[in-house]
Protein backbone atom coordinates (compact mmCIF):
# COMPACT_ATOMS: atom_id res chain seq x y z
CA MET A 1 113.31 51.97 140.42
CA ASP A 2 113.78 51.81 144.47
CA LYS A 3 114.35 55.50 145.66
CA SER A 4 117.33 53.94 147.70
CA LEU A 5 118.62 52.01 144.62
CA GLU A 6 118.59 55.33 142.24
CA ASP A 7 120.01 57.75 144.98
CA LYS A 8 122.78 55.50 145.29
CA ILE A 9 123.03 55.09 141.33
CA ARG A 10 122.96 59.09 141.06
CA ALA A 11 125.57 59.12 143.64
CA GLU A 12 127.88 57.17 141.79
CA ILE A 13 127.53 58.87 138.53
CA LYS A 14 128.15 62.21 141.03
CA LYS A 15 131.54 60.80 141.62
CA SER A 16 132.74 59.24 138.32
CA GLY A 17 133.62 61.66 135.16
CA PHE A 18 131.14 61.00 133.10
CA PRO A 19 129.07 63.96 133.91
CA LEU A 20 132.16 66.15 133.11
CA GLU A 21 132.66 64.73 129.80
CA LEU A 22 129.27 64.94 129.12
CA GLU A 23 129.53 68.80 129.81
CA LEU A 24 132.38 69.12 127.39
CA THR A 25 131.24 67.17 124.48
CA GLU A 26 128.04 69.55 124.75
CA LYS A 27 130.42 72.38 124.61
CA LEU A 28 132.48 71.15 122.01
CA ARG A 29 129.28 70.40 119.69
CA ASN A 30 127.88 73.40 120.41
CA GLU A 31 131.42 75.28 118.44
CA ASP A 32 131.45 75.93 114.40
CA ASN A 33 134.09 74.04 112.33
CA VAL A 34 134.24 71.37 116.02
CA LEU A 35 133.87 67.84 114.98
CA VAL A 36 133.40 65.62 118.33
CA PHE A 37 134.16 61.63 119.24
CA SER A 38 133.58 60.61 122.78
CA ASN A 39 133.53 56.62 123.77
CA ILE A 40 136.79 55.52 121.48
CA THR A 41 136.81 52.12 122.16
CA PHE A 42 140.07 50.35 120.73
CA GLN A 43 142.54 47.49 121.77
CA ASN A 44 145.95 48.07 122.66
CA GLY A 45 147.78 44.63 122.64
CA GLU A 46 146.13 41.59 122.37
CA LYS A 47 144.04 41.71 125.08
CA SER A 48 143.65 45.12 126.19
CA ILE A 49 140.83 47.76 125.60
CA ARG A 50 141.17 51.10 126.06
CA GLU A 51 138.78 54.08 125.51
CA LEU A 52 139.42 57.82 124.89
CA ASP A 53 136.86 60.10 126.53
CA VAL A 54 136.71 62.67 124.01
CA VAL A 55 138.29 63.32 120.33
CA ALA A 56 137.70 66.69 119.11
CA ILE A 57 139.01 67.44 115.56
CA PHE A 58 139.25 71.64 115.26
CA GLN A 59 139.06 73.65 111.80
CA ASP A 60 139.40 77.08 110.78
CA GLN A 61 137.25 77.26 107.60
CA ASP A 62 138.61 80.57 106.62
CA ASN A 63 142.03 80.16 106.85
CA GLU A 64 143.23 78.35 104.00
CA TRP A 65 146.43 76.11 103.01
CA SER A 66 147.01 75.45 99.31
CA ASN A 67 148.48 72.00 99.95
CA GLY A 68 145.47 71.10 101.73
CA PRO A 69 142.93 70.61 104.91
CA VAL A 70 145.01 71.84 108.55
CA GLY A 71 143.28 70.89 111.43
CA SER A 72 144.12 70.63 115.61
CA GLN A 73 143.53 67.09 117.03
CA LEU A 74 142.41 66.98 120.40
CA LEU A 75 142.54 63.98 122.63
CA ILE A 76 141.16 65.27 125.85
CA GLU A 77 140.72 62.61 128.93
CA CYS A 78 138.22 63.60 131.85
CA LYS A 79 138.95 63.13 135.57
CA LYS A 80 137.26 63.83 139.06
CA THR A 81 138.49 64.10 142.83
CA ASP A 82 137.14 65.52 145.37
CA LYS A 83 139.83 65.26 147.92
CA TYR A 84 143.38 64.83 146.06
CA PRO A 85 144.68 67.68 144.71
CA TRP A 86 146.75 67.52 141.87
CA VAL A 87 150.37 69.13 142.50
CA PHE A 88 153.06 69.73 139.84
CA PHE A 89 156.14 71.01 140.40
CA GLU A 90 157.12 74.40 137.88
CA GLU A 91 159.99 73.22 136.10
CA VAL A 92 163.51 74.86 136.46
CA TYR A 93 165.37 76.85 133.83
CA ASP A 94 166.21 74.74 131.37
CA PRO A 95 168.52 76.56 128.43
CA LEU A 96 167.44 73.94 125.88
CA THR A 97 163.93 75.76 125.62
CA ILE A 98 164.59 79.62 125.89
CA LEU A 99 163.66 79.90 122.42
CA GLY A 100 160.08 77.71 123.18
CA ILE A 101 159.03 74.50 123.72
CA VAL A 102 156.08 74.90 120.06
CA GLN A 103 158.52 73.19 118.58
CA LYS A 104 157.67 70.04 120.34
CA ILE A 105 153.98 70.07 119.43
CA ASP A 106 152.40 66.58 117.58
CA TYR A 107 151.41 66.44 114.59
CA SER A 108 150.40 64.23 111.39
CA THR A 109 150.30 65.21 107.72
CA ASP A 110 150.07 63.26 104.43
CA LEU A 111 152.76 65.64 103.03
CA LYS A 112 155.70 64.01 101.89
CA ILE A 113 158.64 66.25 102.68
CA GLU A 114 162.29 66.83 101.12
CA GLY A 115 165.08 66.48 103.64
CA ARG A 116 164.68 66.56 107.73
CA GLY A 117 162.10 69.26 107.42
CA SER A 118 158.80 69.01 109.01
CA VAL A 119 155.36 71.28 109.00
CA LEU A 120 157.18 72.75 112.30
CA ILE A 121 160.24 73.81 110.31
CA GLY A 122 161.12 77.61 110.88
CA GLY A 123 159.09 77.92 113.56
CA ALA A 124 161.00 80.80 115.71
CA ASN A 125 160.84 83.28 112.99
CA THR A 126 156.78 82.82 112.43
CA GLU A 127 153.52 83.16 113.78
CA LEU A 128 153.76 79.50 115.20
CA ASN A 129 155.93 81.05 118.06
CA GLN A 130 152.77 82.73 119.41
CA HIS A 131 151.17 79.44 119.90
CA PHE A 132 150.19 79.33 123.69
CA TYR A 133 152.35 76.64 124.23
CA ASP A 134 155.42 79.34 124.14
CA ASP A 135 153.17 81.63 126.27
CA ILE A 136 155.87 82.28 129.34
CA ASN A 137 152.71 82.94 131.58
CA ILE A 138 151.61 78.98 131.21
CA SER A 139 153.61 77.27 133.81
CA LYS A 140 155.89 73.98 132.41
CA ALA A 141 156.45 70.62 134.74
CA ARG A 142 157.47 67.50 134.50
CA THR A 143 156.46 65.94 138.12
CA TYR A 144 153.55 65.39 139.52
CA PHE A 145 151.96 63.71 142.73
CA GLU A 146 148.24 63.28 143.92
CA ALA A 147 148.74 65.43 147.65
CA LEU A 148 146.92 64.01 150.46
CA LYS A 149 146.37 60.05 148.83
CA GLY A 150 149.04 58.40 151.10
CA SER A 151 149.34 55.52 148.51
CA ASN A 152 150.98 54.71 144.82
CA ASP A 153 147.99 54.57 142.64
CA SER A 154 148.43 57.54 141.01
CA THR A 155 145.21 58.45 139.11
CA ILE A 156 147.85 61.64 137.12
CA TYR A 157 150.16 58.61 135.88
CA LYS A 158 146.70 56.22 134.53
CA ALA A 159 145.66 59.45 132.73
CA VAL A 160 149.10 60.25 130.96
CA MET A 161 149.40 56.78 129.73
CA ASN A 162 145.96 56.53 128.10
CA ILE A 163 147.43 59.72 126.60
CA PHE A 164 149.97 57.91 125.65
CA GLN A 165 148.05 54.86 123.99
CA GLY A 166 145.63 56.95 122.65
CA ARG A 167 148.45 59.16 121.05
CA LYS A 168 149.77 55.80 119.48
CA TYR A 169 145.88 54.79 118.27
CA LEU A 170 145.14 58.07 116.57
CA LYS A 171 148.49 58.13 114.80
CA GLU A 172 148.34 54.57 113.57
CA LEU A 173 144.38 55.31 111.97
CA PHE A 174 145.94 58.01 110.70
CA SER A 175 148.65 56.40 108.77
CA ARG A 176 145.73 53.85 107.66
CA GLN A 177 143.26 56.26 106.43
CA TYR A 178 146.20 58.00 104.38
CA GLU A 179 145.80 55.11 101.51
CA ASN A 180 142.08 55.73 101.48
CA ARG A 181 142.50 59.48 100.54
CA ILE A 182 144.95 58.46 97.91
CA VAL A 183 142.28 56.34 96.23
CA HIS A 184 139.63 58.72 96.85
CA SER A 185 142.10 61.68 95.27
CA ASP A 186 141.25 63.62 98.50
CA LYS A 187 143.58 66.25 99.12
CA ALA A 188 146.62 66.18 101.70
CA ARG A 189 145.81 66.57 105.65
CA THR A 190 147.94 68.15 108.72
CA PHE A 191 146.75 68.00 112.02
CA LEU A 192 148.40 69.74 115.00
CA ARG A 193 147.33 67.32 117.90
CA GLN A 194 146.66 68.26 121.77
CA TYR A 195 146.55 66.22 124.43
CA VAL A 196 144.51 67.11 127.39
CA ILE A 197 143.55 66.17 131.08
CA VAL A 198 140.71 68.19 132.31
CA LEU A 199 140.26 67.99 135.83
CA ASP A 200 137.20 68.64 137.93
CA GLY A 201 138.79 69.39 141.19
CA ASN A 202 142.39 71.30 142.87
CA LEU A 203 145.00 72.00 140.00
CA VAL A 204 147.91 73.06 142.57
CA LEU A 205 151.86 74.32 141.30
CA ALA A 206 154.10 74.46 143.18
CA SER A 207 157.84 76.02 142.92
CA LYS A 208 160.71 75.90 144.80
CA ASN A 209 161.36 78.12 147.16
CA THR A 210 164.95 77.24 148.70
CA ASP A 211 164.18 74.53 151.05
CA ASP A 212 160.26 75.54 150.90
CA PHE A 213 157.96 75.42 148.25
CA ASP A 214 155.15 78.25 146.64
CA LEU A 215 151.92 76.82 146.30
CA GLN A 216 149.23 78.31 144.57
CA ASN A 217 145.75 77.27 142.77
CA VAL A 218 146.50 77.35 138.65
CA ASN A 219 144.36 76.80 135.46
CA HIS A 220 146.95 75.31 133.72
CA VAL A 221 150.04 73.45 133.70
CA ILE A 222 151.75 72.54 130.64
CA LEU A 223 153.38 68.60 131.52
CA ARG A 224 156.18 67.63 129.56
CA SER A 225 156.35 64.16 129.95
CA MET A 226 158.74 61.00 127.73
CA ASP A 227 156.44 58.26 125.56
CA THR A 228 159.12 55.86 125.71
CA ASP A 229 156.60 53.51 124.64
CA SER A 230 157.64 55.86 121.33
CA LYS A 231 159.25 53.50 117.92
CA THR A 232 159.88 55.80 116.05
CA SER A 233 161.85 58.53 118.07
CA ASP A 234 165.14 60.39 117.14
CA TYR A 235 165.66 61.51 121.25
CA LEU A 236 167.32 59.23 123.75
CA PHE A 237 164.87 58.29 125.93
CA GLY A 238 161.43 58.44 124.08
CA ASP A 239 159.24 61.43 122.28
CA GLU A 240 158.49 64.27 124.30
CA VAL A 241 154.96 64.57 124.37
CA LEU A 242 153.40 68.04 125.63
CA ILE A 243 150.00 67.67 127.64
CA ASP A 244 148.01 70.34 128.60
CA VAL A 245 146.53 69.51 132.41
CA ILE A 246 143.47 72.47 132.78
CA THR A 247 140.71 73.26 135.29
CA ARG A 248 137.26 72.27 134.74
CA GLU A 249 136.30 75.90 134.78
CA TYR A 250 139.15 76.80 132.48
CA PHE A 251 138.12 74.66 129.42
CA ASP A 252 136.59 77.39 127.57
CA THR A 253 139.14 79.33 128.01
CA TYR A 254 141.30 76.28 126.20
CA VAL A 255 138.76 75.88 123.63
CA GLU A 256 139.75 79.70 122.62
CA LEU A 257 143.71 79.37 122.62
CA THR A 258 143.13 76.61 120.45
CA LYS A 259 141.11 78.11 117.62
CA LYS A 260 143.64 81.05 117.93
CA GLY A 261 146.85 78.12 118.25
CA LEU A 262 145.41 76.56 115.04
CA ARG A 263 145.36 80.46 113.25
CA HIS A 264 148.75 80.75 113.99
CA PHE A 265 149.89 77.28 112.75
CA THR A 266 148.22 78.18 109.50
CA ASN A 267 149.92 81.19 108.53
CA HIS A 268 153.14 79.99 109.58
CA LEU A 269 152.55 76.77 106.69
CA ASN A 270 150.99 79.66 104.72
CA ARG A 271 154.58 81.64 105.06
CA VAL A 272 157.38 78.62 105.10
CA SER A 273 155.60 77.29 101.57
CA LYS A 274 155.64 80.91 100.30
CA SER A 275 159.07 81.13 101.20
CA ASN A 276 160.07 77.81 100.41
CA LEU A 277 161.65 76.83 103.59
CA LEU A 278 159.06 74.13 103.35
CA LYS A 279 159.54 72.04 100.56
CA ILE A 280 156.87 69.35 99.66
CA LYS A 281 157.95 66.33 97.26
CA PRO A 282 154.70 66.24 93.94
CA SER A 283 152.21 63.19 94.75
CA LYS A 284 152.41 60.56 92.65
């Protein structure tokens, strides 16, 4: 290959998010009890084709639930920018979330639950509220922009839309696979779903201070966004979806948070099952 062409290709690779995607995939594959899938292509609509960067399923083999396997499924988007800091505006006090936001975490389950109950029922009084989504030290945000960009072409917005489309695909896939699990008499599965954008670049939190803003570099922000395309939402405007926006350097810490969060979730399920707070209909 011509040296000049080789240098150009190498430069393009370094500018892209592919090195980050490969790095995260390798790290996840070195973890115990983690299944990793990358570059999953799916059709969104009749003509639109989308790709999921990384999907990982965390399992805790040492902490089981009698009703079936439990796991945390991560959908990961990888982004890189050298020029435009990502700025998220810290959410002002919201009295509706005084008990935390972990009750809004996404999940899928094969189990049929009586009444209007869910696998998150009673979470305020169990280990579920020790999940990192309820950590008051992790800032929450609803709005954002890319500083210094000077255009409306938002990479953040595109990443969020990819998350929403991937979320829809994974939920539909889970439902389709349910019939196969019934045929093969497999145990019911229950997954927490965590949506993650990993940024190789500057992540900034902007906090309102009278007529000004305090700015600080952070490693983790929880974006609270609304998926208005959802067909099953009980909310007025759609499903509220929690998206973790983290830096590349923070990824190892995030993996540990995910493991701890899964342990808290499994302990929560065991407790609400034994207390009969979570009533599961017998499978036919």
